[in-house]
């Protein structure tokens, strides 16, 4: 779900792929989520999602 949100929020594919790669290295679900959030923080995610489609990520 976090990877989908990163994509839907309009972050560059490079950040999406970095988050995906970081998550794949982890085994536990919580660790995967933490790895993704280290690439794209909740704060950046919330800003992007509330800013709408024409924003800078």
Protein backbone atom coordinates (compact mmCIF):
# COMPACT_ATOMS: atom_id res chain seq x y z
CA UNK A 1 0.00 0.00 0.00
CA UNK A 2 2.81 2.42 0.79
CA UNK A 3 4.41 1.81 -2.59
CA UNK A 4 1.08 2.46 -4.27
CA UNK A 5 0.71 5.73 -2.33
CA UNK A 6 4.20 6.82 -3.36
CA UNK A 7 3.26 6.20 -6.98
CA UNK A 8 -0.17 7.83 -6.69
CA UNK A 9 1.33 10.87 -4.96
CA UNK A 10 3.51 11.51 -8.01
CA UNK A 11 6.95 10.80 -6.60
CA UNK A 12 9.62 10.07 -9.21
CA UNK A 13 10.00 6.45 -10.31
CA UNK A 14 13.54 6.50 -8.94
CA UNK A 15 12.21 7.02 -5.41
CA UNK A 16 9.54 4.37 -5.91
CA UNK A 17 12.15 1.85 -7.06
CA UNK A 18 14.52 2.78 -4.21
CA UNK A 19 11.69 2.22 -1.70
CA UNK A 20 10.81 -1.10 -3.34
CA UNK A 21 14.43 -2.27 -3.26
CA UNK A 22 14.87 -1.27 0.38
CA UNK A 23 11.67 -3.11 1.35
CA UNK A 24 12.66 -6.29 -0.50
CA UNK A 25 15.77 -6.58 1.66
CA UNK A 26 13.64 -6.93 4.81
CA UNK A 27 11.74 -9.99 5.99
CA UNK A 28 9.23 -8.67 8.53
CA UNK A 29 6.30 -6.56 7.32
CA UNK A 30 7.01 -3.80 9.86
CA UNK A 31 10.63 -3.66 8.74
CA UNK A 32 9.54 -3.39 5.10
CA UNK A 33 7.26 -0.45 5.98
CA UNK A 34 10.01 1.26 7.96
CA UNK A 35 12.44 0.88 5.05
CA UNK A 36 9.93 2.46 2.68
CA UNK A 37 9.31 5.36 5.07
CA UNK A 38 13.04 6.02 5.28
CA UNK A 39 12.96 6.70 1.53
CA UNK A 40 9.69 8.68 1.55
CA UNK A 41 8.68 9.98 4.97
CA UNK A 42 5.09 10.32 6.18
CA UNK A 43 5.55 14.09 6.14
CA UNK A 44 6.56 14.16 2.47
CA UNK A 45 3.78 11.71 1.63
CA UNK A 46 1.12 13.79 3.36
CA UNK A 47 2.35 16.98 1.71
CA UNK A 48 2.31 15.40 -1.74
CA UNK A 49 -1.10 13.80 -1.29
CA UNK A 50 -2.74 17.00 -0.04
CA UNK A 51 -1.06 19.26 -2.59
CA UNK A 52 -2.81 17.66 -5.55
CA UNK A 53 -1.55 16.54 -8.93
CA UNK A 54 0.47 19.64 -9.87
CA UNK A 55 3.03 19.67 -7.08
CA UNK A 56 6.76 19.17 -6.70
CA UNK A 57 7.68 16.05 -4.73
